[in-house]
Amino acid sequence: MNIPSLERLRCDLGRIWRISGPWAEELQAELVDASEGVAMDKRHHCYHAEVALPAGVRLGQVSCTVRSGDDEWPLLLLTPGAPVAGDARQHMHIVFHVARSQASAAAANEA
């Protein structure tokens, strides 16, 4: 499955992502954060993205297709986050757990 890397996410900060789900129209959401997470074990890498939905739009946890430029990532799970002070928009989180390369996994096991 094609998923964005943390580096790709960081390049997209401040850009508008198009989100499609079980509603009628595509939503435009701003990518506001991309950061490291806590991996489930040494063989995986964890990072997350945070998007701000348009003002007045509220969603529960939902699987969506996300598009940025010509890239498309289907079936990403978006989860509501805590309110952000000074921002009336709802923020949604996407967490990625990906296998590290064998070389990276070996180095992590030695640490």
PDB file of N, CA and C in Angstrom:
ATOM      1  N   MET A   1       0.849  -1.193   0.000  1.00  0.00           N
ATOM      2  CA  MET A   1       0.000   0.000   0.000  1.00  0.00           C
ATOM      3  C   MET A   1       0.879   1.236   0.000  1.00  0.00           C
ATOM      4  N   ASN A   2       0.539   2.196  -0.790  1.00  0.00           N
ATOM      5  CA  ASN A   2       1.272   3.448  -0.903  1.00  0.00           C
ATOM      6  C   ASN A   2       0.840   4.395   0.213  1.00  0.00           C
ATOM      7  N   ILE A   3       1.787   4.757   1.079  1.00  0.00           N
ATOM      8  CA  ILE A   3       1.497   5.737   2.125  1.00  0.00           C
ATOM      9  C   ILE A   3       2.589   6.799   2.115  1.00  0.00           C
ATOM     10  N   PRO A   4       2.282   7.998   2.559  1.00  0.00           N
ATOM     11  CA  PRO A   4       3.297   9.049   2.549  1.00  0.00           C
ATOM     12  C   PRO A   4       4.337   8.819   3.649  1.00  0.00           C
ATOM     13  N   SER A   5       5.566   9.180   3.364  1.00  0.00           N
ATOM     14  CA  SER A   5       6.619   9.130   4.378  1.00  0.00           C
ATOM     15  C   SER A   5       6.512  10.360   5.272  1.00  0.00           C
ATOM     16  N   LEU A   6       7.205  10.318   6.401  1.00  0.00           N
ATOM     17  CA  LEU A   6       7.240  11.486   7.283  1.00  0.00           C
ATOM     18  C   LEU A   6       7.864  12.670   6.553  1.00  0.00           C
ATOM     19  N   GLU A   7       8.886  12.414   5.765  1.00  0.00           N
ATOM     20  CA  GLU A   7       9.529  13.498   5.013  1.00  0.00           C
ATOM     21  C   GLU A   7       8.535  14.133   4.040  1.00  0.00           C
ATOM     22  N   ARG A   8       7.736  13.311   3.377  1.00  0.00           N
ATOM     23  CA  ARG A   8       6.723  13.842   2.458  1.00  0.00           C
ATOM     24  C   ARG A   8       5.712  14.686   3.221  1.00  0.00           C
ATOM     25  N   LEU A   9       5.270  14.166   4.369  1.00  0.00           N
ATOM     26  CA  LEU A   9       4.309  14.926   5.168  1.00  0.00           C
ATOM     27  C   LEU A   9       4.879  16.289   5.544  1.00  0.00           C
ATOM     28  N   ARG A  10       6.124  16.310   5.969  1.00  0.00           N
ATOM     29  CA  ARG A  10       6.743  17.577   6.380  1.00  0.00           C
ATOM     30  C   ARG A  10       6.833  18.557   5.212  1.00  0.00           C
ATOM     31  N   CYS A  11       7.018  18.051   4.007  1.00  0.00           N
ATOM     32  CA  CYS A  11       7.036  18.924   2.822  1.00  0.00           C
ATOM     33  C   CYS A  11       5.654  19.502   2.530  1.00  0.00           C
ATOM     34  N   ASP A  12       4.614  18.812   2.958  1.00  0.00           N
ATOM     35  CA  ASP A  12       3.231  19.249   2.715  1.00  0.00           C
ATOM     36  C   ASP A  12       2.678  20.175   3.807  1.00  0.00           C
ATOM     37  N   LEU A  13       3.436  20.439   4.861  1.00  0.00           N
ATOM     38  CA  LEU A  13       2.915  21.282   5.950  1.00  0.00           C
ATOM     39  C   LEU A  13       2.376  22.598   5.405  1.00  0.00           C
ATOM     40  N   GLY A  14       1.174  22.946   5.850  1.00  0.00           N
ATOM     41  CA  GLY A  14       0.524  24.172   5.406  1.00  0.00           C
ATOM     42  C   GLY A  14      -0.264  24.032   4.116  1.00  0.00           C
ATOM     43  N   ARG A  15      -0.115  22.898   3.446  1.00  0.00           N
ATOM     44  CA  ARG A  15      -0.840  22.676   2.185  1.00  0.00           C
ATOM     45  C   ARG A  15      -2.235  22.123   2.461  1.00  0.00           C
ATOM     46  N   ILE A  16      -3.069  22.249   1.453  1.00  0.00           N
ATOM     47  CA  ILE A  16      -4.440  21.747   1.537  1.00  0.00           C
ATOM     48  C   ILE A  16      -4.482  20.319   1.000  1.00  0.00           C
ATOM     49  N   TRP A  17      -5.037  19.422   1.802  1.00  0.00           N
ATOM     50  CA  TRP A  17      -5.296  18.045   1.385  1.00  0.00           C
ATOM     51  C   TRP A  17      -6.769  17.925   1.068  1.00  0.00           C
ATOM     52  N   ARG A  18      -7.091  17.109   0.082  1.00  0.00           N
ATOM     53  CA  ARG A  18      -8.480  16.841  -0.288  1.00  0.00           C
ATOM     54  C   ARG A  18      -8.871  15.497   0.316  1.00  0.00           C
ATOM     55  N   ILE A  19      -9.967  15.472   1.048  1.00  0.00           N
ATOM     56  CA  ILE A  19     -10.387  14.275   1.780  1.00  0.00           C
ATOM     57  C   ILE A  19     -11.770  13.846   1.302  1.00  0.00           C
ATOM     58  N   SER A  20     -11.873  12.573   0.888  1.00  0.00           N
ATOM     59  CA  SER A  20     -13.145  11.993   0.453  1.00  0.00           C
ATOM     60  C   SER A  20     -13.543  10.907   1.425  1.00  0.00           C
ATOM     61  N   GLY A  21     -14.815  10.860   1.744  1.00  0.00           N
ATOM     62  CA  GLY A  21     -15.328   9.841   2.654  1.00  0.00           C
ATOM     63  C   GLY A  21     -16.784   9.580   2.366  1.00  0.00           C
ATOM     64  N   PRO A  22     -17.497   9.087   3.359  1.00  0.00           N
ATOM     65  CA  PRO A  22     -18.903   8.724   3.164  1.00  0.00           C
ATOM     66  C   PRO A  22     -19.860   9.920   3.199  1.00  0.00           C
ATOM     67  N   TRP A  23     -19.420  11.055   2.756  1.00  0.00           N
ATOM     68  CA  TRP A  23     -20.265  12.242   2.671  1.00  0.00           C
ATOM     69  C   TRP A  23     -20.288  12.683   1.208  1.00  0.00           C
ATOM     70  N   ALA A  24     -21.074  13.668   0.888  1.00  0.00           N
ATOM     71  CA  ALA A  24     -21.334  14.034  -0.505  1.00  0.00           C
ATOM     72  C   ALA A  24     -20.151  14.705  -1.206  1.00  0.00           C
ATOM     73  N   GLU A  25     -19.517  15.681  -0.578  1.00  0.00           N
ATOM     74  CA  GLU A  25     -18.498  16.471  -1.260  1.00  0.00           C
ATOM     75  C   GLU A  25     -17.124  16.266  -0.646  1.00  0.00           C
ATOM     76  N   GLU A  26     -16.111  16.443  -1.471  1.00  0.00           N
ATOM     77  CA  GLU A  26     -14.735  16.372  -1.008  1.00  0.00           C
ATOM     78  C   GLU A  26     -14.458  17.534  -0.052  1.00  0.00           C
ATOM     79  N   LEU A  27     -13.771  17.249   1.055  1.00  0.00           N
ATOM     80  CA  LEU A  27     -13.395  18.289   2.013  1.00  0.00           C
ATOM     81  C   LEU A  27     -11.970  18.747   1.731  1.00  0.00           C
ATOM     82  N   GLN A  28     -11.702  20.011   2.026  1.00  0.00           N
ATOM     83  CA  GLN A  28     -10.338  20.511   1.942  1.00  0.00           C
ATOM     84  C   GLN A  28      -9.864  20.777   3.361  1.00  0.00           C
ATOM     85  N   ALA A  29      -8.756  20.126   3.732  1.00  0.00           N
ATOM     86  CA  ALA A  29      -8.225  20.242   5.092  1.00  0.00           C
ATOM     87  C   ALA A  29      -6.762  20.653   5.024  1.00  0.00           C
ATOM     88  N   GLU A  30      -6.344  21.495   5.954  1.00  0.00           N
ATOM     89  CA  GLU A  30      -4.963  21.965   5.996  1.00  0.00           C
ATOM     90  C   GLU A  30      -4.110  21.009   6.827  1.00  0.00           C
ATOM     91  N   LEU A  31      -2.977  20.576   6.277  1.00  0.00           N
ATOM     92  CA  LEU A  31      -2.030  19.765   7.047  1.00  0.00           C
ATOM     93  C   LEU A  31      -1.279  20.705   7.987  1.00  0.00           C
ATOM     94  N   VAL A  32      -1.493  20.541   9.302  1.00  0.00           N
ATOM     95  CA  VAL A  32      -0.926  21.469  10.274  1.00  0.00           C
ATOM     96  C   VAL A  32       0.224  20.887  11.089  1.00  0.00           C
ATOM     97  N   ASP A  33       0.415  19.566  11.054  1.00  0.00           N
ATOM     98  CA  ASP A  33       1.523  18.969  11.814  1.00  0.00           C
ATOM     99  C   ASP A  33       1.899  17.633  11.204  1.00  0.00           C
ATOM    100  N   ALA A  34       3.167  17.306  11.292  1.00  0.00           N
ATOM    101  CA  ALA A  34       3.706  15.999  10.908  1.00  0.00           C
ATOM    102  C   ALA A  34       4.884  15.746  11.833  1.00  0.00           C
ATOM    103  N   SER A  35       4.784  14.715  12.654  1.00  0.00           N
ATOM    104  CA  SER A  35       5.828  14.501  13.654  1.00  0.00           C
ATOM    105  C   SER A  35       6.029  13.023  13.973  1.00  0.00           C
ATOM    106  N   GLU A  36       7.148  12.758  14.616  1.00  0.00           N
ATOM    107  CA  GLU A  36       7.479  11.406  15.061  1.00  0.00           C
ATOM    108  C   GLU A  36       6.462  10.936  16.084  1.00  0.00           C
ATOM    109  N   GLY A  37       6.264   9.622  16.126  1.00  0.00           N
ATOM    110  CA  GLY A  37       5.411   9.015  17.138  1.00  0.00           C
ATOM    111  C   GLY A  37       6.210   7.982  17.915  1.00  0.00           C
ATOM    112  N   VAL A  38       5.525   7.156  18.673  1.00  0.00           N
ATOM    113  CA  VAL A  38       6.158   6.090  19.449  1.00  0.00           C
ATOM    114  C   VAL A  38       5.845   4.767  18.754  1.00  0.00           C
ATOM    115  N   ALA A  39       6.886   4.111  18.269  1.00  0.00           N
ATOM    116  CA  ALA A  39       6.706   2.855  17.536  1.00  0.00           C
ATOM    117  C   ALA A  39       6.301   1.731  18.472  1.00  0.00           C
ATOM    118  N   MET A  40       5.571   0.760  17.910  1.00  0.00           N
ATOM    119  CA  MET A  40       5.122  -0.378  18.708  1.00  0.00           C
ATOM    120  C   MET A  40       6.269  -1.318  19.057  1.00  0.00           C
ATOM    121  N   ASP A  41       7.350  -1.299  18.250  1.00  0.00           N
ATOM    122  CA  ASP A  41       8.544  -2.091  18.548  1.00  0.00           C
ATOM    123  C   ASP A  41       9.694  -1.554  17.701  1.00  0.00           C
ATOM    124  N   LYS A  42      10.884  -2.143  17.854  1.00  0.00           N
ATOM    125  CA  LYS A  42      12.074  -1.646  17.153  1.00  0.00           C
ATOM    126  C   LYS A  42      12.042  -1.906  15.649  1.00  0.00           C
ATOM    127  N   ARG A  43      11.157  -2.764  15.200  1.00  0.00           N
ATOM    128  CA  ARG A  43      11.080  -3.078  13.769  1.00  0.00           C
ATOM    129  C   ARG A  43      10.203  -2.098  13.000  1.00  0.00           C
ATOM    130  N   HIS A  44       9.558  -1.198  13.699  1.00  0.00           N
ATOM    131  CA  HIS A  44       8.636  -0.267  13.052  1.00  0.00           C
ATOM    132  C   HIS A  44       9.002   1.184  13.332  1.00  0.00           C
ATOM    133  N   HIS A  45       8.528   2.037  12.469  1.00  0.00           N
ATOM    134  CA  HIS A  45       8.670   3.482  12.607  1.00  0.00           C
ATOM    135  C   HIS A  45       7.257   4.041  12.731  1.00  0.00           C
ATOM    136  N   CYS A  46       7.058   4.986  13.620  1.00  0.00           N
ATOM    137  CA  CYS A  46       5.738   5.578  13.826  1.00  0.00           C
ATOM    138  C   CYS A  46       5.835   7.090  13.645  1.00  0.00           C
ATOM    139  N   TYR A  47       4.861   7.636  12.949  1.00  0.00           N
ATOM    140  CA  TYR A  47       4.746   9.086  12.797  1.00  0.00           C
ATOM    141  C   TYR A  47       3.281   9.419  12.578  1.00  0.00           C
ATOM    142  N   HIS A  48       2.955  10.689  12.700  1.00  0.00           N
ATOM    143  CA  HIS A  48       1.545  11.051  12.530  1.00  0.00           C
ATOM    144  C   HIS A  48       1.399  12.376  11.799  1.00  0.00           C
ATOM    145  N   ALA A  49       0.213  12.528  11.218  1.00  0.00           N
ATOM    146  CA  ALA A  49      -0.171  13.770  10.549  1.00  0.00           C
ATOM    147  C   ALA A  49      -1.395  14.325  11.265  1.00  0.00           C
ATOM    148  N   GLU A  50      -1.498  15.630  11.264  1.00  0.00           N
ATOM    149  CA  GLU A  50      -2.673  16.286  11.852  1.00  0.00           C
ATOM    150  C   GLU A  50      -3.208  17.283  10.833  1.00  0.00           C
ATOM    151  N   VAL A  51      -4.503  17.170  10.538  1.00  0.00           N
ATOM    152  CA  VAL A  51      -5.135  18.082   9.593  1.00  0.00           C
ATOM    153  C   VAL A  51      -6.235  18.862  10.305  1.00  0.00           C
ATOM    154  N   ALA A  52      -6.436  20.092   9.858  1.00  0.00           N
ATOM    155  CA  ALA A  52      -7.513  20.934  10.376  1.00  0.00           C
ATOM    156  C   ALA A  52      -8.612  20.973   9.319  1.00  0.00           C
ATOM    157  N   LEU A  53      -9.811  20.550   9.718  1.00  0.00           N
ATOM    158  CA  LEU A  53     -10.964  20.548   8.810  1.00  0.00           C
ATOM    159  C   LEU A  53     -11.468  21.971   8.600  1.00  0.00           C
ATOM    160  N   PRO A  54     -12.260  22.188   7.565  1.00  0.00           N
ATOM    161  CA  PRO A  54     -12.853  23.517   7.377  1.00  0.00           C
ATOM    162  C   PRO A  54     -13.704  23.908   8.587  1.00  0.00           C
ATOM    163  N   ALA A  55     -13.773  25.192   8.866  1.00  0.00           N
ATOM    164  CA  ALA A  55     -14.567  25.691   9.988  1.00  0.00           C
ATOM    165  C   ALA A  55     -16.003  25.184   9.876  1.00  0.00           C
ATOM    166  N   GLY A  56     -16.528  24.715  10.985  1.00  0.00           N
ATOM    167  CA  GLY A  56     -17.908  24.243  11.042  1.00  0.00           C
ATOM    168  C   GLY A  56     -18.096  22.781  10.683  1.00  0.00           C
ATOM    169  N   VAL A  57     -17.060  22.119  10.147  1.00  0.00           N
ATOM    170  CA  VAL A  57     -17.162  20.702   9.795  1.00  0.00           C
ATOM    171  C   VAL A  57     -16.717  19.871  10.993  1.00  0.00           C
ATOM    172  N   ARG A  58     -17.520  18.883  11.351  1.00  0.00           N
ATOM    173  CA  ARG A  58     -17.202  17.982  12.457  1.00  0.00           C
ATOM    174  C   ARG A  58     -17.352  16.546  11.966  1.00  0.00           C
ATOM    175  N   LEU A  59     -16.357  15.723  12.280  1.00  0.00           N
ATOM    176  CA  LEU A  59     -16.390  14.316  11.905  1.00  0.00           C
ATOM    177  C   LEU A  59     -16.085  13.447  13.116  1.00  0.00           C
ATOM    178  N   GLY A  60     -16.592  12.231  13.098  1.00  0.00           N
ATOM    179  CA  GLY A  60     -16.159  11.217  14.039  1.00  0.00           C
ATOM    180  C   GLY A  60     -15.016  10.451  13.391  1.00  0.00           C
ATOM    181  N   GLN A  61     -14.559   9.400  14.038  1.00  0.00           N
ATOM    182  CA  GLN A  61     -13.515   8.551  13.451  1.00  0.00           C
ATOM    183  C   GLN A  61     -14.031   7.973  12.144  1.00  0.00           C
ATOM    184  N   VAL A  62     -13.215   8.058  11.096  1.00  0.00           N
ATOM    185  CA  VAL A  62     -13.682   7.643   9.776  1.00  0.00           C
ATOM    186  C   VAL A  62     -12.502   7.256   8.883  1.00  0.00           C
ATOM    187  N   SER A  63     -12.709   6.268   8.017  1.00  0.00           N
ATOM    188  CA  SER A  63     -11.719   5.918   6.991  1.00  0.00           C
ATOM    189  C   SER A  63     -11.992   6.761   5.756  1.00  0.00           C
ATOM    190  N   CYS A  64     -10.940   7.341   5.204  1.00  0.00           N
ATOM    191  CA  CYS A  64     -11.076   8.267   4.084  1.00  0.00           C
ATOM    192  C   CYS A  64     -10.002   8.018   3.045  1.00  0.00           C
ATOM    193  N   THR A  65     -10.212   8.606   1.884  1.00  0.00           N
ATOM    194  CA  THR A  65      -9.169   8.712   0.877  1.00  0.00           C
ATOM    195  C   THR A  65      -8.631  10.130   0.952  1.00  0.00           C
ATOM    196  N   VAL A  66      -7.314  10.256   1.010  1.00  0.00           N
ATOM    197  CA  VAL A  66      -6.667  11.562   1.111  1.00  0.00           C
ATOM    198  C   VAL A  66      -5.847  11.788  -0.147  1.00  0.00           C
ATOM    199  N   ARG A  67      -5.947  13.005  -0.694  1.00  0.00           N
ATOM    200  CA  ARG A  67      -5.201  13.369  -1.895  1.00  0.00           C
ATOM    201  C   ARG A  67      -4.381  14.627  -1.627  1.00  0.00           C
ATOM    202  N   SER A  68      -3.152  14.591  -2.127  1.00  0.00           N
ATOM    203  CA  SER A  68      -2.284  15.763  -2.090  1.00  0.00           C
ATOM    204  C   SER A  68      -1.579  15.840  -3.432  1.00  0.00           C
ATOM    205  N   GLY A  69      -1.835  16.899  -4.162  1.00  0.00           N
ATOM    206  CA  GLY A  69      -1.285  16.975  -5.510  1.00  0.00           C
ATOM    207  C   GLY A  69      -1.793  15.804  -6.330  1.00  0.00           C
ATOM    208  N   ASP A  70      -0.876  15.073  -6.965  1.00  0.00           N
ATOM    209  CA  ASP A  70      -1.250  13.906  -7.770  1.00  0.00           C
ATOM    210  C   ASP A  70      -1.244  12.618  -6.962  1.00  0.00           C
ATOM    211  N   ASP A  71      -0.863  12.681  -5.689  1.00  0.00           N
ATOM    212  CA  ASP A  71      -0.803  11.483  -4.847  1.00  0.00           C
ATOM    213  C   ASP A  71      -2.142  11.212  -4.174  1.00  0.00           C
ATOM    214  N   GLU A  72      -2.451   9.933  -4.033  1.00  0.00           N
ATOM    215  CA  GLU A  72      -3.695   9.517  -3.381  1.00  0.00           C
ATOM    216  C   GLU A  72      -3.385   8.383  -2.426  1.00  0.00           C
ATOM    217  N   TRP A  73      -3.915   8.485  -1.198  1.00  0.00           N
ATOM    218  CA  TRP A  73      -3.728   7.463  -0.181  1.00  0.00           C
ATOM    219  C   TRP A  73      -5.103   7.009   0.303  1.00  0.00           C
ATOM    220  N   PRO A  74      -5.546   5.830  -0.147  1.00  0.00           N
ATOM    221  CA  PRO A  74      -6.885   5.353   0.225  1.00  0.00           C
ATOM    222  C   PRO A  74      -6.912   4.728   1.612  1.00  0.00           C
ATOM    223  N   LEU A  75      -8.082   4.776   2.210  1.00  0.00           N
ATOM    224  CA  LEU A  75      -8.388   4.086   3.455  1.00  0.00           C
ATOM    225  C   LEU A  75      -7.491   4.461   4.630  1.00  0.00           C
ATOM    226  N   LEU A  76      -7.206   5.751   4.777  1.00  0.00           N
ATOM    227  CA  LEU A  76      -6.509   6.215   5.967  1.00  0.00           C
ATOM    228  C   LEU A  76      -7.545   6.463   7.058  1.00  0.00           C
ATOM    229  N   LEU A  77      -7.206   6.085   8.273  1.00  0.00           N
ATOM    230  CA  LEU A  77      -8.114   6.260   9.398  1.00  0.00           C
ATOM    231  C   LEU A  77      -7.849   7.609  10.048  1.00  0.00           C
ATOM    232  N   LEU A  78      -8.850   8.480  10.031  1.00  0.00           N
ATOM    233  CA  LEU A  78      -8.764   9.789  10.671  1.00  0.00           C
ATOM    234  C   LEU A  78      -9.505   9.723  11.996  1.00  0.00           C
ATOM    235  N   THR A  79      -8.860  10.236  13.047  1.00  0.00           N
ATOM    236  CA  THR A  79      -9.421  10.202  14.388  1.00  0.00           C
ATOM    237  C   THR A  79      -9.467  11.620  14.948  1.00  0.00           C
ATOM    238  N   PRO A  80     -10.593  12.028  15.532  1.00  0.00           N
ATOM    239  CA  PRO A  80     -10.680  13.382  16.090  1.00  0.00           C
ATOM    240  C   PRO A  80      -9.661  13.594  17.202  1.00  0.00           C
ATOM    241  N   GLY A  81      -9.102  14.795  17.233  1.00  0.00           N
ATOM    242  CA  GLY A  81      -8.156  15.165  18.284  1.00  0.00           C
ATOM    243  C   GLY A  81      -8.792  16.149  19.253  1.00  0.00           C
ATOM    244  N   ALA A  82      -8.038  16.486  20.271  1.00  0.00           N
ATOM    245  CA  ALA A  82      -8.497  17.463  21.260  1.00  0.00           C
ATOM    246  C   ALA A  82      -8.570  18.846  20.609  1.00  0.00           C
ATOM    247  N   PRO A  83      -9.456  19.703  21.090  1.00  0.00           N
ATOM    248  CA  PRO A  83      -9.523  21.064  20.548  1.00  0.00           C
ATOM    249  C   PRO A  83      -8.176  21.776  20.695  1.00  0.00           C
ATOM    250  N   VAL A  84      -7.865  22.627  19.737  1.00  0.00           N
ATOM    251  CA  VAL A  84      -6.624  23.389  19.755  1.00  0.00           C
ATOM    252  C   VAL A  84      -6.966  24.828  20.123  1.00  0.00           C
ATOM    253  N   ALA A  85      -6.335  25.336  21.171  1.00  0.00           N
ATOM    254  CA  ALA A  85      -6.604  26.704  21.626  1.00  0.00           C
ATOM    255  C   ALA A  85      -6.382  27.693  20.484  1.00  0.00           C
ATOM    256  N   GLY A  86      -7.345  28.572  20.293  1.00  0.00           N
ATOM    257  CA  GLY A  86      -7.234  29.603  19.275  1.00  0.00           C
ATOM    258  C   GLY A  86      -7.589  29.148  17.863  1.00  0.00           C
ATOM    259  N   ASP A  87      -7.984  27.889  17.700  1.00  0.00           N
ATOM    260  CA  ASP A  87      -8.353  27.381  16.375  1.00  0.00           C
ATOM    261  C   ASP A  87      -9.717  26.710  16.495  1.00  0.00           C
ATOM    262  N   ALA A  88     -10.734  27.299  15.890  1.00  0.00           N
ATOM    263  CA  ALA A  88     -12.096  26.766  15.988  1.00  0.00           C
ATOM    264  C   ALA A  88     -12.312  25.546  15.102  1.00  0.00           C
ATOM    265  N   ARG A  89     -11.337  25.243  14.232  1.00  0.00           N
ATOM    266  CA  ARG A  89     -11.488  24.092  13.342  1.00  0.00           C
ATOM    267  C   ARG A  89     -11.245  22.788  14.103  1.00  0.00           C
ATOM    268  N   GLN A  90     -11.940  21.732  13.699  1.00  0.00           N
ATOM    269  CA  GLN A  90     -11.690  20.419  14.287  1.00  0.00           C
ATOM    270  C   GLN A  90     -10.413  19.848  13.676  1.00  0.00           C
ATOM    271  N   HIS A  91      -9.562  19.294  14.534  1.00  0.00           N
ATOM    272  CA  HIS A  91      -8.330  18.663  14.075  1.00  0.00           C
ATOM    273  C   HIS A  91      -8.506  17.157  14.090  1.00  0.00           C
ATOM    274  N   MET A  92      -7.981  16.504  13.041  1.00  0.00           N
ATOM    275  CA  MET A  92      -8.050  15.055  12.899  1.00  0.00           C
ATOM    276  C   MET A  92      -6.627  14.517  12.793  1.00  0.00           C
ATOM    277  N   HIS A  93      -6.411  13.315  13.348  1.00  0.00           N
ATOM    278  CA  HIS A  93      -5.085  12.701  13.368  1.00  0.00           C
ATOM    279  C   HIS A  93      -5.057  11.442  12.513  1.00  0.00           C
ATOM    280  N   ILE A  94      -3.913  11.215  11.875  1.00  0.00           N
ATOM    281  CA  ILE A  94      -3.659   9.998  11.107  1.00  0.00           C
ATOM    282  C   ILE A  94      -2.340   9.446  11.633  1.00  0.00           C
ATOM    283  N   VAL A  95      -2.338   8.212  12.124  1.00  0.00           N
ATOM    284  CA  VAL A  95      -1.125   7.585  12.663  1.00  0.00           C
ATOM    285  C   VAL A  95      -0.634   6.536  11.682  1.00  0.00           C
ATOM    286  N   PHE A  96       0.672   6.539  11.428  1.00  0.00           N
ATOM    287  CA  PHE A  96       1.304   5.592  10.510  1.00  0.00           C
ATOM    288  C   PHE A  96       2.296   4.723  11.292  1.00  0.00           C
ATOM    289  N   HIS A  97       2.174   3.416  11.174  1.00  0.00           N
ATOM    290  CA  HIS A  97       3.159   2.464  11.698  1.00  0.00           C
ATOM    291  C   HIS A  97       3.676   1.709  10.493  1.00  0.00           C
ATOM    292  N   VAL A  98       4.949   1.890  10.159  1.00  0.00           N
ATOM    293  CA  VAL A  98       5.523   1.242   8.981  1.00  0.00           C
ATOM    294  C   VAL A  98       6.752   0.443   9.374  1.00  0.00           C
ATOM    295  N   ALA A  99       6.973  -0.659   8.679  1.00  0.00           N
ATOM    296  CA  ALA A  99       8.150  -1.482   8.940  1.00  0.00           C
ATOM    297  C   ALA A  99       9.402  -0.720   8.518  1.00  0.00           C
ATOM    298  N   ARG A 100      10.421  -0.785   9.358  1.00  0.00           N
ATOM    299  CA  ARG A 100      11.706  -0.189   9.008  1.00  0.00           C
ATOM    300  C   ARG A 100      12.398  -1.099   8.003  1.00  0.00           C
ATOM    301  N   SER A 101      13.342  -0.550   7.283  1.00  0.00           N
ATOM    302  CA  SER A 101      14.133  -1.399   6.390  1.00  0.00           C
ATOM    303  C   SER A 101      14.926  -2.375   7.253  1.00  0.00           C
ATOM    304  N   GLN A 102      15.388  -3.454   6.693  1.00  0.00           N
ATOM    305  CA  GLN A 102      16.138  -4.441   7.461  1.00  0.00           C
ATOM    306  C   GLN A 102      17.386  -3.812   8.067  1.00  0.00           C
ATOM    307  N   ALA A 103      18.045  -2.918   7.342  1.00  0.00           N
ATOM    308  CA  ALA A 103      19.245  -2.272   7.868  1.00  0.00           C
ATOM    309  C   ALA A 103      18.901  -1.395   9.067  1.00  0.00           C
ATOM    310  N   SER A 104      17.821  -0.626   8.965  1.00  0.00           N
ATOM    311  CA  SER A 104      17.402   0.232  10.071  1.00  0.00           C
ATOM    312  C   SER A 104      16.977  -0.595  11.265  1.00  0.00           C
ATOM    313  N   ALA A 105      16.284  -1.700  11.025  1.00  0.00           N
ATOM    314  CA  ALA A 105      15.837  -2.577  12.110  1.00  0.00           C
ATOM    315  C   ALA A 105      17.037  -3.196  12.830  1.00  0.00           C
ATOM    316  N   ALA A 106      18.044  -3.592  12.064  1.00  0.00           N
ATOM    317  CA  ALA A 106      19.244  -4.188  12.672  1.00  0.00           C
ATOM    318  C   ALA A 106      19.963  -3.158  13.540  1.00  0.00           C
ATOM    319  N   ALA A 107      20.087  -1.942  13.058  1.00  0.00           N
ATOM    320  CA  ALA A 107      20.741  -0.892  13.834  1.00  0.00           C
ATOM    321  C   ALA A 107      19.945  -0.591  15.100  1.00  0.00           C
ATOM    322  N   ALA A 108      18.643  -0.582  15.013  1.00  0.00           N
ATOM    323  CA  ALA A 108      17.797  -0.318  16.180  1.00  0.00           C
ATOM    324  C   ALA A 108      17.937  -1.427  17.207  1.00  0.00           C
ATOM    325  N   ASN A 109      18.088  -2.669  16.763  1.00  0.00           N
ATOM    326  CA  ASN A 109      18.259  -3.786  17.692  1.00  0.00           C
ATOM    327  C   ASN A 109      19.580  -3.731  18.430  1.00  0.00           C
ATOM    328  N   GLU A 110      20.604  -3.097  17.815  1.00  0.00           N
ATOM    329  CA  GLU A 110      21.908  -2.977  18.458  1.00  0.00           C
ATOM    330  C   GLU A 110      21.922  -1.870  19.495  1.00  0.00           C
ATOM    331  N   ALA A 111      21.002  -0.937  19.393  1.00  0.00           N
ATOM    332  CA  ALA A 111      20.965   0.207  20.303  1.00  0.00           C
ATOM    333  C   ALA A 111      20.483  -0.182  21.684  1.00  0.00           C
TER     334      ALA A 111
END
